[in-house]
Amino acid sequence: MALSHPSPDPHSPALKGSLGIPPTLITQYRRHGGSLYQFWMGIRFFVFGWSLFWRSRHLQLWGALPTLITAATFGGLAFLGAWLTRHGLEVLAVPLWLLGLAQGLVALLIVLGLTYFLFFPLVTLVAGPFREHLAAQTEQRLIGQVKRGELSLGAVLVDVLGLIGLQLVLALIGLGLSWLLPGLGHSIGLGIWIYLAALDMVDPVLGLWGWRLGAKLRFVSEHRALMAGFGLMSALLLAIPLLNLLILPLGTIGATALALAVTQAQLKDS
């Protein structure tokens, strides 16, 4: 699916946006570079997102919202699990020390389960609109304008539910393969996790542009090496509990720059 983004002069003031820097990584990206080049550029776009985040207080502010909302959701579910555990065990008259240990263990298991199994569906559900706004703010600061697509509420809901369903199915497949095929299954599961991370990070900006789920999946498929590099960096950060919440602003900002680079390169080649 081609996006009708204008292709401004890389030296114009508009392309510098409000950050006051020319995003040369975007203008220099080459669509037809080899797989190693694409993979390396995916890594560079992730690092670029990190750089942009720390350059702009405005992006830090908007990036804090999805992070805090997700953290509050994690904390709330962990608290609920601990509370239910306490009330369930109180009827058994267990010692207080064992009660406290059980509560802490349940809360920890819930956080780990959300982190390593339900992270993407949960983030899609609770933080999607805020990440889309962060993508818009990033685009404004990079090229001085924002391209918005038009989708009906029904289409948005269908795509959100479809994405959550896809994330759950792929997570189950990855988990099942890891159990059934030690070694090979873990490798396949890691590959699934990497591309799930890449899809989740690029979803806000493509959704902002009005792309449907099928077009988003084609974007990932058509740029497999690029998305693998970006997804690998995202997966590495996602593997660290608590710090993984930083992936929401960093990944969203970096993926916005990546998507801009790809679509502008397509326009230049057309």
C-alpha atoms as a PDB file:
ATOM      1  CA  MET A   1       0.000   0.000   0.000  1.00  0.00           C
ATOM      2  CA  ALA A   2       1.614   3.258  -1.084  1.00  0.00           C
ATOM      3  CA  LEU A   3       1.318   6.369   1.030  1.00  0.00           C
ATOM      4  CA  SER A   4       1.029   9.768  -0.625  1.00  0.00           C
ATOM      5  CA  HIS A   5       3.523  11.576   1.547  1.00  0.00           C
ATOM      6  CA  PRO A   6       5.170  14.613  -0.019  1.00  0.00           C
ATOM      7  CA  SER A   7       8.893  14.261  -0.571  1.00  0.00           C
ATOM      8  CA  PRO A   8      10.365  17.560   0.646  1.00  0.00           C
ATOM      9  CA  ASP A   9      13.875  18.822   0.045  1.00  0.00           C
ATOM     10  CA  PRO A  10      16.108  17.252   2.733  1.00  0.00           C
ATOM     11  CA  HIS A  11      17.761  20.643   3.338  1.00  0.00           C
ATOM     12  CA  SER A  12      14.551  22.637   3.679  1.00  0.00           C
ATOM     13  CA  PRO A  13      13.543  24.132   7.047  1.00  0.00           C
ATOM     14  CA  ALA A  14      10.295  22.147   6.982  1.00  0.00           C
ATOM     15  CA  LEU A  15      12.085  18.825   7.072  1.00  0.00           C
ATOM     16  CA  LYS A  16      14.017  19.930  10.124  1.00  0.00           C
ATOM     17  CA  GLY A  17      10.722  20.264  11.956  1.00  0.00           C
ATOM     18  CA  SER A  18      10.772  21.746  15.449  1.00  0.00           C
ATOM     19  CA  LEU A  19      13.758  19.672  16.562  1.00  0.00           C
ATOM     20  CA  GLY A  20      16.056  21.914  14.554  1.00  0.00           C
ATOM     21  CA  ILE A  21      18.035  19.001  13.075  1.00  0.00           C
ATOM     22  CA  PRO A  22      17.885  17.477   9.583  1.00  0.00           C
ATOM     23  CA  PRO A  23      16.818  13.804   9.932  1.00  0.00           C
ATOM     24  CA  THR A  24      19.499  12.564   7.540  1.00  0.00           C
ATOM     25  CA  LEU A  25      18.821   8.934   8.422  1.00  0.00           C
ATOM     26  CA  ILE A  26      15.388   9.328   6.820  1.00  0.00           C
ATOM     27  CA  THR A  27      16.576  11.074   3.668  1.00  0.00           C
ATOM     28  CA  GLN A  28      19.584   8.797   3.134  1.00  0.00           C
ATOM     29  CA  TYR A  29      17.743   5.495   3.552  1.00  0.00           C
ATOM     30  CA  ARG A  30      17.912   3.273   0.437  1.00  0.00           C
ATOM     31  CA  ARG A  31      15.092   0.827  -0.252  1.00  0.00           C
ATOM     32  CA  HIS A  32      17.188  -1.375  -2.501  1.00  0.00           C
ATOM     33  CA  GLY A  33      20.099  -1.987  -0.157  1.00  0.00           C
ATOM     34  CA  GLY A  34      20.870  -5.633   0.613  1.00  0.00           C
ATOM     35  CA  SER A  35      19.541  -7.629   3.547  1.00  0.00           C
ATOM     36  CA  LEU A  36      22.509  -6.808   5.799  1.00  0.00           C
ATOM     37  CA  TYR A  37      22.106  -3.102   5.016  1.00  0.00           C
ATOM     38  CA  GLN A  38      18.376  -3.281   5.779  1.00  0.00           C
ATOM     39  CA  PHE A  39      18.964  -5.163   9.023  1.00  0.00           C
ATOM     40  CA  TRP A  40      21.583  -2.619  10.124  1.00  0.00           C
ATOM     41  CA  MET A  41      19.277   0.276   9.217  1.00  0.00           C
ATOM     42  CA  GLY A  42      16.542  -1.267  11.354  1.00  0.00           C
ATOM     43  CA  ILE A  43      18.933  -1.158  14.318  1.00  0.00           C
ATOM     44  CA  ARG A  44      19.898   2.422  13.473  1.00  0.00           C
ATOM     45  CA  PHE A  45      16.266   3.559  13.334  1.00  0.00           C
ATOM     46  CA  PHE A  46      15.732   2.166  16.820  1.00  0.00           C
ATOM     47  CA  VAL A  47      18.771   4.078  18.103  1.00  0.00           C
ATOM     48  CA  PHE A  48      17.513   7.138  16.196  1.00  0.00           C
ATOM     49  CA  GLY A  49      14.231   6.872  18.133  1.00  0.00           C
ATOM     50  CA  TRP A  50      16.192   6.841  21.393  1.00  0.00           C
ATOM     51  CA  SER A  51      18.072   9.977  20.294  1.00  0.00           C
ATOM     52  CA  LEU A  52      14.893  11.824  19.287  1.00  0.00           C
ATOM     53  CA  PHE A  53      13.219  10.942  22.580  1.00  0.00           C
ATOM     54  CA  TRP A  54      16.004  12.479  24.646  1.00  0.00           C
ATOM     55  CA  ARG A  55      16.243  15.548  22.396  1.00  0.00           C
ATOM     56  CA  SER A  56      12.624  16.612  22.792  1.00  0.00           C
ATOM     57  CA  ARG A  57      10.856  17.293  26.080  1.00  0.00           C
ATOM     58  CA  HIS A  58       7.584  17.371  24.179  1.00  0.00           C
ATOM     59  CA  LEU A  59       8.107  13.818  22.943  1.00  0.00           C
ATOM     60  CA  GLN A  60       9.145  12.783  26.444  1.00  0.00           C
ATOM     61  CA  LEU A  61       5.860  14.181  27.788  1.00  0.00           C
ATOM     62  CA  TRP A  62       3.701  12.385  25.243  1.00  0.00           C
ATOM     63  CA  GLY A  63       5.839   9.265  25.561  1.00  0.00           C
ATOM     64  CA  ALA A  64       5.268   9.203  29.309  1.00  0.00           C
ATOM     65  CA  LEU A  65       1.500   8.790  28.893  1.00  0.00           C
ATOM     66  CA  PRO A  66       1.408   5.307  27.305  1.00  0.00           C
ATOM     67  CA  THR A  67       4.229   4.231  29.610  1.00  0.00           C
ATOM     68  CA  LEU A  68       2.393   5.316  32.765  1.00  0.00           C
ATOM     69  CA  ILE A  69      -0.937   3.901  31.581  1.00  0.00           C
ATOM     70  CA  THR A  70       0.637   0.528  30.827  1.00  0.00           C
ATOM     71  CA  ALA A  71       2.540   0.517  34.120  1.00  0.00           C
ATOM     72  CA  ALA A  72      -0.676   1.340  35.997  1.00  0.00           C
ATOM     73  CA  THR A  73      -2.473  -1.507  34.221  1.00  0.00           C
ATOM     74  CA  PHE A  74       0.316  -3.952  35.083  1.00  0.00           C
ATOM     75  CA  GLY A  75       0.327  -2.759  38.693  1.00  0.00           C
ATOM     76  CA  GLY A  76      -3.447  -2.891  38.976  1.00  0.00           C
ATOM     77  CA  LEU A  77      -3.658  -6.455  37.675  1.00  0.00           C
ATOM     78  CA  ALA A  78      -0.814  -7.559  39.960  1.00  0.00           C
ATOM     79  CA  PHE A  79      -2.538  -5.933  42.952  1.00  0.00           C
ATOM     80  CA  LEU A  80      -5.848  -7.584  42.040  1.00  0.00           C
ATOM     81  CA  GLY A  81      -4.161 -10.976  41.811  1.00  0.00           C
ATOM     82  CA  ALA A  82      -2.465 -10.500  45.189  1.00  0.00           C
ATOM     83  CA  TRP A  83      -5.735  -9.333  46.767  1.00  0.00           C
ATOM     84  CA  LEU A  84      -7.660 -12.340  45.446  1.00  0.00           C
ATOM     85  CA  THR A  85      -4.882 -14.646  46.667  1.00  0.00           C
ATOM     86  CA  ARG A  86      -5.036 -13.165  50.160  1.00  0.00           C
ATOM     87  CA  HIS A  87      -8.810 -13.542  50.395  1.00  0.00           C
ATOM     88  CA  GLY A  88      -8.643 -17.052  49.014  1.00  0.00           C
ATOM     89  CA  LEU A  89      -6.015 -18.194  51.516  1.00  0.00           C
ATOM     90  CA  GLU A  90      -7.438 -16.419  54.571  1.00  0.00           C
ATOM     91  CA  VAL A  91     -10.197 -19.039  54.785  1.00  0.00           C
ATOM     92  CA  LEU A  92      -7.466 -21.674  55.163  1.00  0.00           C
ATOM     93  CA  ALA A  93      -5.980 -19.867  58.184  1.00  0.00           C
ATOM     94  CA  VAL A  94      -2.451 -19.996  56.771  1.00  0.00           C
ATOM     95  CA  PRO A  95       0.357 -18.187  58.654  1.00  0.00           C
ATOM     96  CA  LEU A  96       0.802 -14.498  57.875  1.00  0.00           C
ATOM     97  CA  TRP A  97       4.325 -15.008  56.541  1.00  0.00           C
ATOM     98  CA  LEU A  98       3.079 -17.630  54.092  1.00  0.00           C
ATOM     99  CA  LEU A  99       0.184 -15.393  53.109  1.00  0.00           C
ATOM    100  CA  GLY A 100       2.550 -12.539  52.319  1.00  0.00           C
ATOM    101  CA  LEU A 101       4.877 -14.850  50.384  1.00  0.00           C
ATOM    102  CA  ALA A 102       1.972 -16.201  48.313  1.00  0.00           C
ATOM    103  CA  GLN A 103       0.759 -12.687  47.538  1.00  0.00           C
ATOM    104  CA  GLY A 104       4.199 -11.575  46.387  1.00  0.00           C
ATOM    105  CA  LEU A 105       4.676 -14.694  44.270  1.00  0.00           C
ATOM    106  CA  VAL A 106       1.298 -14.296  42.547  1.00  0.00           C
ATOM    107  CA  ALA A 107       1.967 -10.611  41.842  1.00  0.00           C
ATOM    108  CA  LEU A 108       5.377 -11.488  40.377  1.00  0.00           C
ATOM    109  CA  LEU A 109       3.945 -14.257  38.192  1.00  0.00           C
ATOM    110  CA  ILE A 110       1.252 -11.922  36.886  1.00  0.00           C
ATOM    111  CA  VAL A 111       3.815  -9.253  35.964  1.00  0.00           C
ATOM    112  CA  LEU A 112       6.046 -11.821  34.250  1.00  0.00           C
ATOM    113  CA  GLY A 113       3.083 -13.344  32.432  1.00  0.00           C
ATOM    114  CA  LEU A 114       1.949  -9.939  31.204  1.00  0.00           C
ATOM    115  CA  THR A 115       5.498  -9.069  30.175  1.00  0.00           C
ATOM    116  CA  TYR A 116       6.368 -12.228  28.273  1.00  0.00           C
ATOM    117  CA  PHE A 117       2.982 -13.352  26.977  1.00  0.00           C
ATOM    118  CA  LEU A 118       0.347 -10.612  26.995  1.00  0.00           C
ATOM    119  CA  PHE A 119       2.494  -7.483  26.610  1.00  0.00           C
ATOM    120  CA  PHE A 120       1.559  -6.686  22.998  1.00  0.00           C
ATOM    121  CA  PRO A 121      -2.212  -7.339  23.274  1.00  0.00           C
ATOM    122  CA  LEU A 122      -2.390  -5.353  26.513  1.00  0.00           C
ATOM    123  CA  VAL A 123      -0.442  -2.409  25.088  1.00  0.00           C
ATOM    124  CA  THR A 124      -2.600  -2.423  21.940  1.00  0.00           C
ATOM    125  CA  LEU A 125      -5.722  -2.329  24.079  1.00  0.00           C
ATOM    126  CA  VAL A 126      -4.837   0.308  26.694  1.00  0.00           C
ATOM    127  CA  ALA A 127      -2.214   2.551  25.088  1.00  0.00           C
ATOM    128  CA  GLY A 128      -2.997   2.537  21.360  1.00  0.00           C
ATOM    129  CA  PRO A 129      -4.508   6.057  21.005  1.00  0.00           C
ATOM    130  CA  PHE A 130      -1.722   7.654  23.052  1.00  0.00           C
ATOM    131  CA  ARG A 131       0.992   5.973  20.991  1.00  0.00           C
ATOM    132  CA  GLU A 132      -0.727   7.104  17.792  1.00  0.00           C
ATOM    133  CA  HIS A 133      -0.657  10.676  19.058  1.00  0.00           C
ATOM    134  CA  LEU A 134       3.029  10.258  19.913  1.00  0.00           C
ATOM    135  CA  ALA A 135       3.616   9.096  16.320  1.00  0.00           C
ATOM    136  CA  ALA A 136       1.848  12.234  15.063  1.00  0.00           C
ATOM    137  CA  GLN A 137       3.970  14.473  17.282  1.00  0.00           C
ATOM    138  CA  THR A 138       7.120  12.711  16.054  1.00  0.00           C
ATOM    139  CA  GLU A 139       6.142  13.147  12.409  1.00  0.00           C
ATOM    140  CA  GLN A 140       5.402  16.823  12.980  1.00  0.00           C
ATOM    141  CA  ARG A 141       8.831  17.337  14.509  1.00  0.00           C
ATOM    142  CA  LEU A 142      10.633  15.445  11.771  1.00  0.00           C
ATOM    143  CA  ILE A 143       9.046  16.745   8.570  1.00  0.00           C
ATOM    144  CA  GLY A 144       6.888  19.651   9.753  1.00  0.00           C
ATOM    145  CA  GLN A 145       3.537  18.068   8.854  1.00  0.00           C
ATOM    146  CA  VAL A 146       1.294  15.141   9.733  1.00  0.00           C
ATOM    147  CA  LYS A 147      -0.458  12.819   7.288  1.00  0.00           C
ATOM    148  CA  ARG A 148      -3.716  11.482   8.720  1.00  0.00           C
ATOM    149  CA  GLY A 149      -5.865   8.809   7.146  1.00  0.00           C
ATOM    150  CA  GLU A 150      -9.605   8.381   7.497  1.00  0.00           C
ATOM    151  CA  LEU A 151     -11.023   5.185   8.970  1.00  0.00           C
ATOM    152  CA  SER A 152     -14.486   4.584  10.369  1.00  0.00           C
ATOM    153  CA  LEU A 153     -14.847   3.630  14.019  1.00  0.00           C
ATOM    154  CA  GLY A 154     -16.016   0.186  12.940  1.00  0.00           C
ATOM    155  CA  ALA A 155     -12.919  -0.360  10.810  1.00  0.00           C
ATOM    156  CA  VAL A 156     -10.671   0.739  13.669  1.00  0.00           C
ATOM    157  CA  LEU A 157     -12.362  -1.661  16.103  1.00  0.00           C
ATOM    158  CA  VAL A 158     -12.144  -4.555  13.635  1.00  0.00           C
ATOM    159  CA  ASP A 159      -8.437  -3.918  13.088  1.00  0.00           C
ATOM    160  CA  VAL A 160      -7.687  -3.567  16.808  1.00  0.00           C
ATOM    161  CA  LEU A 161      -9.487  -6.821  17.609  1.00  0.00           C
ATOM    162  CA  GLY A 162      -7.808  -8.511  14.646  1.00  0.00           C
ATOM    163  CA  LEU A 163      -4.371  -7.356  15.778  1.00  0.00           C
ATOM    164  CA  ILE A 164      -4.965  -8.490  19.357  1.00  0.00           C
ATOM    165  CA  GLY A 165      -6.191 -11.868  18.115  1.00  0.00           C
ATOM    166  CA  LEU A 166      -3.148 -12.243  15.862  1.00  0.00           C
ATOM    167  CA  GLN A 167      -0.805 -11.330  18.722  1.00  0.00           C
ATOM    168  CA  LEU A 168      -2.424 -13.895  21.028  1.00  0.00           C
ATOM    169  CA  VAL A 169      -2.347 -16.666  18.411  1.00  0.00           C
ATOM    170  CA  LEU A 170       1.297 -16.050  17.501  1.00  0.00           C
ATOM    171  CA  ALA A 171       2.272 -15.832  21.174  1.00  0.00           C
ATOM    172  CA  LEU A 172       0.564 -19.198  21.789  1.00  0.00           C
ATOM    173  CA  ILE A 173       2.331 -20.738  18.784  1.00  0.00           C
ATOM    174  CA  GLY A 174       5.701 -19.439  19.959  1.00  0.00           C
ATOM    175  CA  LEU A 175       5.095 -20.705  23.495  1.00  0.00           C
ATOM    176  CA  GLY A 176       3.914 -24.097  22.247  1.00  0.00           C
ATOM    177  CA  LEU A 177       6.890 -24.557  19.941  1.00  0.00           C
ATOM    178  CA  SER A 178       9.268 -23.637  22.745  1.00  0.00           C
ATOM    179  CA  TRP A 179       7.781 -26.417  24.877  1.00  0.00           C
ATOM    180  CA  LEU A 180       7.471 -29.046  22.153  1.00  0.00           C
ATOM    181  CA  LEU A 181      10.732 -28.432  20.268  1.00  0.00           C
ATOM    182  CA  PRO A 182      13.501 -27.367  22.644  1.00  0.00           C
ATOM    183  CA  GLY A 183      16.228 -25.502  20.781  1.00  0.00           C
ATOM    184  CA  LEU A 184      14.548 -25.188  17.381  1.00  0.00           C
ATOM    185  CA  GLY A 185      11.269 -24.177  18.992  1.00  0.00           C
ATOM    186  CA  HIS A 186      12.999 -21.484  21.022  1.00  0.00           C
ATOM    187  CA  SER A 187      14.595 -20.090  17.856  1.00  0.00           C
ATOM    188  CA  ILE A 188      11.257 -19.991  16.054  1.00  0.00           C
ATOM    189  CA  GLY A 189       9.624 -18.465  19.121  1.00  0.00           C
ATOM    190  CA  LEU A 190      12.307 -15.763  19.226  1.00  0.00           C
ATOM    191  CA  GLY A 191      11.687 -14.990  15.561  1.00  0.00           C
ATOM    192  CA  ILE A 192       7.955 -14.673  16.224  1.00  0.00           C
ATOM    193  CA  TRP A 193       8.657 -12.370  19.183  1.00  0.00           C
ATOM    194  CA  ILE A 194      10.963 -10.164  17.084  1.00  0.00           C
ATOM    195  CA  TYR A 195       8.417  -9.663  14.308  1.00  0.00           C
ATOM    196  CA  LEU A 196       5.588  -9.183  16.799  1.00  0.00           C
ATOM    197  CA  ALA A 197       7.661  -6.414  18.396  1.00  0.00           C
ATOM    198  CA  ALA A 198       8.348  -4.847  14.992  1.00  0.00           C
ATOM    199  CA  LEU A 199       4.668  -4.946  14.022  1.00  0.00           C
ATOM    200  CA  ASP A 200       3.599  -3.485  17.361  1.00  0.00           C
ATOM    201  CA  MET A 201       6.095  -0.614  17.125  1.00  0.00           C
ATOM    202  CA  VAL A 202       5.152   0.383  13.569  1.00  0.00           C
ATOM    203  CA  ASP A 203       1.403  -0.037  14.166  1.00  0.00           C
ATOM    204  CA  PRO A 204       0.779   3.465  15.663  1.00  0.00           C
ATOM    205  CA  VAL A 205       2.186   5.446  12.738  1.00  0.00           C
ATOM    206  CA  LEU A 206       0.597   3.225  10.078  1.00  0.00           C
ATOM    207  CA  GLY A 207      -2.701   3.418  11.944  1.00  0.00           C
ATOM    208  CA  LEU A 208      -2.341   7.212  12.024  1.00  0.00           C
ATOM    209  CA  TRP A 209      -2.025   7.158   8.226  1.00  0.00           C
ATOM    210  CA  GLY A 210      -5.213   5.124   7.908  1.00  0.00           C
ATOM    211  CA  TRP A 211      -3.625   1.803   6.970  1.00  0.00           C
ATOM    212  CA  ARG A 212      -5.692  -1.325   7.612  1.00  0.00           C
ATOM    213  CA  LEU A 213      -4.276  -4.392   9.348  1.00  0.00           C
ATOM    214  CA  GLY A 214      -3.617  -6.217   6.088  1.00  0.00           C
ATOM    215  CA  ALA A 215      -1.536  -3.312   4.765  1.00  0.00           C
ATOM    216  CA  LYS A 216       0.454  -3.201   8.016  1.00  0.00           C
ATOM    217  CA  LEU A 217       1.234  -6.897   7.728  1.00  0.00           C
ATOM    218  CA  ARG A 218       2.333  -6.420   4.106  1.00  0.00           C
ATOM    219  CA  PHE A 219       4.599  -3.568   5.205  1.00  0.00           C
ATOM    220  CA  VAL A 220       6.345  -5.867   7.684  1.00  0.00           C
ATOM    221  CA  SER A 221       6.512  -8.711   5.156  1.00  0.00           C
ATOM    222  CA  GLU A 222       7.914  -6.542   2.352  1.00  0.00           C
ATOM    223  CA  HIS A 223      10.637  -5.123   4.602  1.00  0.00           C
ATOM    224  CA  ARG A 224      11.548  -8.253   6.541  1.00  0.00           C
ATOM    225  CA  ALA A 225      15.257  -7.533   7.083  1.00  0.00           C
ATOM    226  CA  LEU A 226      14.622  -3.908   8.058  1.00  0.00           C
ATOM    227  CA  MET A 227      11.882  -4.906  10.497  1.00  0.00           C
ATOM    228  CA  ALA A 228      14.030  -7.761  11.850  1.00  0.00           C
ATOM    229  CA  GLY A 229      16.756  -5.313  12.877  1.00  0.00           C
ATOM    230  CA  PHE A 230      14.251  -2.964  14.467  1.00  0.00           C
ATOM    231  CA  GLY A 231      12.309  -5.804  16.072  1.00  0.00           C
ATOM    232  CA  LEU A 232      15.467  -7.373  17.503  1.00  0.00           C
ATOM    233  CA  MET A 233      16.379  -4.151  19.322  1.00  0.00           C
ATOM    234  CA  SER A 234      12.806  -3.853  20.573  1.00  0.00           C
ATOM    235  CA  ALA A 235      12.774  -7.482  21.754  1.00  0.00           C
ATOM    236  CA  LEU A 236      16.039  -7.041  23.658  1.00  0.00           C
ATOM    237  CA  LEU A 237      14.600  -4.119  25.619  1.00  0.00           C
ATOM    238  CA  LEU A 238      11.286  -5.905  26.082  1.00  0.00           C
ATOM    239  CA  ALA A 239      13.095  -8.798  27.758  1.00  0.00           C
ATOM    240  CA  ILE A 240      14.060  -6.582  30.729  1.00  0.00           C
ATOM    241  CA  PRO A 241      11.188  -6.227  33.244  1.00  0.00           C
ATOM    242  CA  LEU A 242      10.267  -2.641  34.167  1.00  0.00           C
ATOM    243  CA  LEU A 243      12.743  -1.192  31.650  1.00  0.00           C
ATOM    244  CA  ASN A 244      10.602  -2.770  28.935  1.00  0.00           C
ATOM    245  CA  LEU A 245       8.037  -0.002  29.452  1.00  0.00           C
ATOM    246  CA  LEU A 246      10.525   2.378  27.814  1.00  0.00           C
ATOM    247  CA  ILE A 247       9.954   0.500  24.564  1.00  0.00           C
ATOM    248  CA  LEU A 248       6.625   2.270  24.130  1.00  0.00           C
ATOM    249  CA  PRO A 249       8.012   5.782  23.507  1.00  0.00           C
ATOM    250  CA  LEU A 250      11.382   4.725  22.072  1.00  0.00           C
ATOM    251  CA  GLY A 251       9.958   2.131  19.701  1.00  0.00           C
ATOM    252  CA  THR A 252       7.037   4.289  18.577  1.00  0.00           C
ATOM    253  CA  ILE A 253       9.295   7.258  17.790  1.00  0.00           C
ATOM    254  CA  GLY A 254      11.907   5.142  16.012  1.00  0.00           C
ATOM    255  CA  ALA A 255       9.269   3.231  14.024  1.00  0.00           C
ATOM    256  CA  THR A 256       7.703   6.515  12.904  1.00  0.00           C
ATOM    257  CA  ALA A 257      11.063   7.625  11.505  1.00  0.00           C
ATOM    258  CA  LEU A 258      11.484   4.209   9.856  1.00  0.00           C
ATOM    259  CA  ALA A 259       8.054   4.334   8.195  1.00  0.00           C
ATOM    260  CA  LEU A 260       8.695   7.895   6.966  1.00  0.00           C
ATOM    261  CA  ALA A 261      12.008   6.805   5.448  1.00  0.00           C
ATOM    262  CA  VAL A 262      10.452   3.839   3.636  1.00  0.00           C
ATOM    263  CA  THR A 263       7.484   5.764   2.228  1.00  0.00           C
ATOM    264  CA  GLN A 264       9.604   8.717   1.121  1.00  0.00           C
ATOM    265  CA  ALA A 265      12.072   6.345  -0.552  1.00  0.00           C
ATOM    266  CA  GLN A 266       9.142   4.713  -2.383  1.00  0.00           C
ATOM    267  CA  LEU A 267       8.062   8.113  -3.680  1.00  0.00           C
ATOM    268  CA  LYS A 268      11.551   8.913  -4.915  1.00  0.00           C
ATOM    269  CA  ASP A 269      11.744   5.596  -6.762  1.00  0.00           C
ATOM    270  CA  SER A 270       8.290   5.914  -8.341  1.00  0.00           C
END
